[in-house]
Amino acid sequence: MNKLQLSRFRNVTKYNLEKQKKMDNFSYLNRFAKQGQIVLVGDSITELFDMELFDDFSAMSGLRVYNRGIGGDTSDRLVERVEDNVVAIKPSVVVLLIGINDLYRKYVPIDYVLDNTRTIINKIVTALPNVKIVVQNVYPVNDKISPRLKGLNAKVVMYNIKLQRLCQELGVENVDMTSLLSDEAGQLDCELTYDGLHPRSNGFQKVAKRLTGLLEDMLGK
């Protein structure tokens, strides 16, 4: 990405008033959050996650699951807010899902998103050496439902391959929800999405079941 493209992208990803208020609200709510809990962080897919799906896990484990997702978020902006919105709570586990809004823009290279993801992980680990990190691969999309997403799945697949390698290098957990969410053609199953990008509640239920099973194993709950 050349300097002009980077400048253009940074203009696009700059937080508007709504996103700034969400970020500020999270910082405020952190005053009341318990330490040593679990945090989900990412973009609109995280923001829209039905948190009721973690109720049974929380009742069993005694751990709360906090949501720190902001719709439209990109990896570069998450780099800037991760300390304030996530690290400040001092969680025991961070579940990260970021990148689809970066990859949607054709001029944004995969390595740019990977570099930002590396920075996010390093910021968390540096501040919280004992934290456990779960990095979700970017979910597939359905470009039949939403033609504007045409061709995006090919970029997602390439990104996820490199993301898995990055997670291995950094020693953090990587989880791929593709088989849970895809149809036979590799598209986000139309029964699990309403717009080709965001899961419906039945899609989130599949993800939550996979995540809670993983968390139980990681935490010995």
Protein backbone atom coordinates (compact mmCIF):
# COMPACT_ATOMS: atom_id res chain seq x y z
CA MET A 1 0.00 0.00 0.00
CA ASN A 2 1.55 3.29 -1.07
CA LYS A 3 1.45 6.47 1.00
CA LEU A 4 -1.57 7.86 -0.84
CA GLN A 5 -3.56 4.66 -0.35
CA LEU A 6 -2.54 4.48 3.32
CA SER A 7 -3.60 8.10 3.84
CA ARG A 8 -6.90 7.37 2.10
CA PHE A 9 -7.49 4.28 4.24
CA ARG A 10 -6.67 6.13 7.45
CA ASN A 11 -9.21 8.76 6.44
CA VAL A 12 -11.84 6.09 5.88
CA THR A 13 -11.15 4.32 9.18
CA LYS A 14 -11.03 7.48 11.31
CA TYR A 15 -13.65 7.22 14.04
CA ASN A 16 -16.75 9.31 13.58
CA LEU A 17 -18.65 10.66 16.59
CA GLU A 18 -20.66 7.45 17.04
CA LYS A 19 -17.59 5.20 17.12
CA GLN A 20 -15.72 7.62 19.37
CA LYS A 21 -18.62 7.55 21.84
CA LYS A 22 -18.61 3.74 21.83
CA MET A 23 -14.89 3.69 22.54
CA ASP A 24 -15.31 6.26 25.31
CA ASN A 25 -18.24 4.30 26.77
CA PHE A 26 -16.11 1.17 26.97
CA SER A 27 -13.39 3.10 28.79
CA TYR A 28 -15.99 4.36 31.25
CA LEU A 29 -17.56 0.92 31.76
CA ASN A 30 -14.14 -0.54 32.48
CA ARG A 31 -14.30 1.18 35.87
CA PHE A 32 -17.06 -1.24 36.83
CA ALA A 33 -15.73 -4.37 35.10
CA LYS A 34 -14.19 -7.18 37.10
CA GLN A 35 -10.62 -8.18 36.39
CA GLY A 36 -9.67 -11.67 35.25
CA GLN A 37 -12.72 -12.13 33.05
CA ILE A 38 -13.13 -12.75 29.30
CA VAL A 39 -13.28 -10.05 26.63
CA LEU A 40 -14.51 -10.33 23.06
CA VAL A 41 -13.07 -7.58 20.87
CA GLY A 42 -13.47 -6.71 17.21
CA ASP A 43 -15.80 -5.07 14.73
CA SER A 44 -19.57 -5.25 14.12
CA ILE A 45 -19.58 -9.05 14.11
CA THR A 46 -18.40 -8.91 17.71
CA GLU A 47 -20.58 -5.92 18.61
CA LEU A 48 -23.70 -7.77 17.41
CA PHE A 49 -22.82 -11.02 19.19
CA ASP A 50 -25.77 -12.26 21.26
CA MET A 51 -24.16 -12.26 24.70
CA GLU A 52 -27.00 -14.34 26.16
CA LEU A 53 -25.35 -17.27 24.43
CA PHE A 54 -22.59 -17.14 27.05
CA ASP A 55 -24.95 -17.19 30.05
CA ASP A 56 -24.60 -20.94 30.71
CA PHE A 57 -20.83 -20.72 30.42
CA SER A 58 -20.72 -17.79 32.84
CA ALA A 59 -22.98 -19.57 35.32
CA MET A 60 -20.80 -22.67 35.20
CA SER A 61 -17.38 -20.96 35.18
CA GLY A 62 -18.12 -17.89 37.27
CA LEU A 63 -16.52 -15.77 34.53
CA ARG A 64 -18.22 -12.86 32.83
CA VAL A 65 -17.87 -12.29 29.10
CA TYR A 66 -17.52 -8.62 28.15
CA ASN A 67 -18.16 -7.31 24.64
CA ARG A 68 -15.82 -4.65 23.27
CA GLY A 69 -16.83 -4.70 19.61
CA ILE A 70 -17.32 -1.56 17.52
CA GLY A 71 -19.13 -1.75 14.19
CA GLY A 72 -16.94 -0.85 11.24
CA ASP A 73 -13.73 -1.25 13.22
CA THR A 74 -10.51 -1.97 11.37
CA SER A 75 -7.22 -3.43 12.51
CA ASP A 76 -5.40 -0.08 12.52
CA ARG A 77 -7.97 1.56 14.78
CA LEU A 78 -8.13 -1.43 17.10
CA VAL A 79 -4.38 -1.03 17.57
CA GLU A 80 -5.12 2.41 18.99
CA ARG A 81 -7.91 1.43 21.39
CA VAL A 82 -6.89 -2.05 22.56
CA GLU A 83 -5.04 -0.82 25.64
CA ASP A 84 -7.85 1.46 26.79
CA ASN A 85 -10.76 -0.83 25.95
CA VAL A 86 -9.30 -4.28 26.59
CA VAL A 87 -6.01 -4.32 28.48
CA ALA A 88 -7.37 -1.94 31.13
CA ILE A 89 -9.80 -4.65 32.34
CA LYS A 90 -6.88 -7.05 32.86
CA PRO A 91 -8.78 -10.03 31.40
CA SER A 92 -7.69 -13.63 31.73
CA VAL A 93 -8.74 -14.34 28.11
CA VAL A 94 -9.10 -12.13 25.04
CA VAL A 95 -11.04 -13.39 22.02
CA LEU A 96 -10.09 -11.37 18.93
CA LEU A 97 -11.88 -11.15 15.58
CA ILE A 98 -10.75 -8.37 13.24
CA GLY A 99 -9.92 -7.81 9.59
CA ILE A 100 -12.99 -8.11 7.38
CA ASN A 101 -13.43 -4.34 7.07
CA ASP A 102 -9.77 -3.99 6.06
CA LEU A 103 -9.94 -6.80 3.53
CA TYR A 104 -13.14 -5.43 1.98
CA ARG A 105 -11.13 -2.59 0.49
CA LYS A 106 -9.30 -4.08 -2.46
CA TYR A 107 -6.25 -1.83 -2.18
CA VAL A 108 -5.49 -2.91 1.43
CA PRO A 109 -2.83 -5.64 1.38
CA ILE A 110 -3.13 -8.69 3.59
CA ASP A 111 0.26 -8.03 5.17
CA TYR A 112 -0.93 -4.64 6.43
CA VAL A 113 -3.76 -6.32 8.35
CA LEU A 114 -1.40 -9.00 9.64
CA ASP A 115 1.08 -6.40 10.88
CA ASN A 116 -1.69 -4.62 12.78
CA THR A 117 -2.93 -7.90 14.23
CA ARG A 118 0.59 -8.71 15.37
CA THR A 119 0.76 -5.31 17.08
CA ILE A 120 -2.59 -5.86 18.81
CA ILE A 121 -1.48 -9.24 20.15
CA ASN A 122 1.89 -7.91 21.26
CA LYS A 123 0.29 -4.98 23.08
CA ILE A 124 -1.96 -7.36 25.02
CA VAL A 125 0.79 -9.85 25.86
CA THR A 126 3.28 -7.16 26.86
CA ALA A 127 0.83 -5.66 29.33
CA LEU A 128 -0.62 -9.00 30.48
CA PRO A 129 2.04 -11.75 30.25
CA ASN A 130 -0.28 -14.44 31.63
CA VAL A 131 -3.26 -13.66 29.39
CA LYS A 132 -4.64 -16.30 27.03
CA ILE A 133 -5.48 -15.07 23.55
CA VAL A 134 -7.87 -16.69 21.09
CA VAL A 135 -7.66 -15.30 17.54
CA GLN A 136 -10.59 -16.17 15.33
CA ASN A 137 -10.06 -16.48 11.61
CA VAL A 138 -12.11 -14.00 9.61
CA TYR A 139 -15.52 -15.49 8.79
CA PRO A 140 -16.58 -16.21 5.19
CA VAL A 141 -19.12 -13.96 3.48
CA ASN A 142 -21.98 -14.66 1.08
CA ASP A 143 -21.71 -12.62 -2.11
CA LYS A 144 -24.91 -14.11 -3.52
CA ILE A 145 -26.88 -12.31 -0.83
CA SER A 146 -24.68 -9.22 -1.02
CA PRO A 147 -23.01 -8.76 -4.44
CA ARG A 148 -20.82 -5.94 -3.08
CA LEU A 149 -18.84 -8.70 -1.32
CA LYS A 150 -18.03 -10.49 -4.58
CA GLY A 151 -14.51 -11.91 -4.61
CA LEU A 152 -13.92 -11.18 -0.92
CA ASN A 153 -13.89 -14.83 0.15
CA ALA A 154 -10.75 -15.51 -1.89
CA LYS A 155 -8.93 -12.76 -0.01
CA VAL A 156 -10.32 -14.02 3.31
CA VAL A 157 -8.98 -17.51 2.62
CA MET A 158 -5.50 -16.16 1.84
CA TYR A 159 -5.56 -13.95 4.91
CA ASN A 160 -6.63 -16.77 7.21
CA ILE A 161 -3.78 -19.00 6.02
CA LYS A 162 -1.28 -16.28 6.93
CA LEU A 163 -3.11 -15.49 10.17
CA GLN A 164 -2.83 -19.11 11.28
CA ARG A 165 0.95 -18.95 10.70
CA LEU A 166 1.16 -15.71 12.66
CA CYS A 167 -0.69 -17.26 15.60
CA GLN A 168 1.66 -20.25 15.57
CA GLU A 169 4.64 -17.90 15.54
CA LEU A 170 3.30 -15.86 18.47
CA GLY A 171 2.10 -18.90 20.42
CA VAL A 172 -1.56 -17.91 20.63
CA GLU A 173 -4.67 -19.98 19.99
CA ASN A 174 -6.17 -19.80 16.51
CA VAL A 175 -9.69 -20.98 15.76
CA ASP A 176 -11.36 -21.29 12.38
CA MET A 177 -15.17 -21.13 12.26
CA THR A 178 -15.34 -21.61 8.48
CA SER A 179 -16.61 -25.20 8.54
CA LEU A 180 -19.31 -24.23 11.06
CA LEU A 181 -20.58 -21.28 9.06
CA SER A 182 -20.08 -22.20 5.40
CA ASP A 183 -22.23 -23.94 2.84
CA GLU A 184 -20.82 -26.45 0.33
CA ALA A 185 -19.62 -23.62 -1.92
CA GLY A 186 -17.61 -22.00 0.86
CA GLN A 187 -20.04 -19.12 1.24
CA LEU A 188 -21.44 -17.99 4.58
CA ASP A 189 -24.54 -20.20 4.85
CA CYS A 190 -27.62 -18.20 3.85
CA GLU A 191 -29.51 -19.77 6.77
CA LEU A 192 -27.00 -18.25 9.19
CA THR A 193 -26.88 -14.66 7.89
CA TYR A 194 -29.28 -11.87 7.05
CA ASP A 195 -27.00 -9.73 4.89
CA GLY A 196 -24.17 -11.99 3.71
CA LEU A 197 -21.73 -10.63 6.26
CA HIS A 198 -23.16 -10.70 9.79
CA PRO A 199 -24.34 -13.94 11.41
CA ARG A 200 -27.88 -14.31 12.67
CA SER A 201 -28.47 -15.60 16.18
CA ASN A 202 -28.34 -19.22 14.99
CA GLY A 203 -24.93 -18.51 13.47
CA PHE A 204 -23.70 -16.86 16.65
CA GLN A 205 -24.96 -19.88 18.59
CA LYS A 206 -22.65 -22.14 16.60
CA VAL A 207 -19.72 -19.81 17.24
CA ALA A 208 -20.52 -19.47 20.96
CA LYS A 209 -20.71 -23.25 21.37
CA ARG A 210 -17.29 -23.65 19.76
CA LEU A 211 -15.79 -20.81 21.77
CA THR A 212 -17.15 -21.92 25.12
CA GLY A 213 -15.87 -25.45 24.55
CA LEU A 214 -12.45 -24.04 23.76
CA LEU A 215 -12.55 -21.74 26.80
CA GLU A 216 -13.52 -24.58 29.10
CA ASP A 217 -10.52 -26.60 27.87
CA MET A 218 -8.15 -23.64 28.16
CA LEU A 219 -9.27 -22.68 31.64
CA GLY A 220 -9.88 -26.19 32.96
CA LYS A 221 -13.48 -25.34 33.80
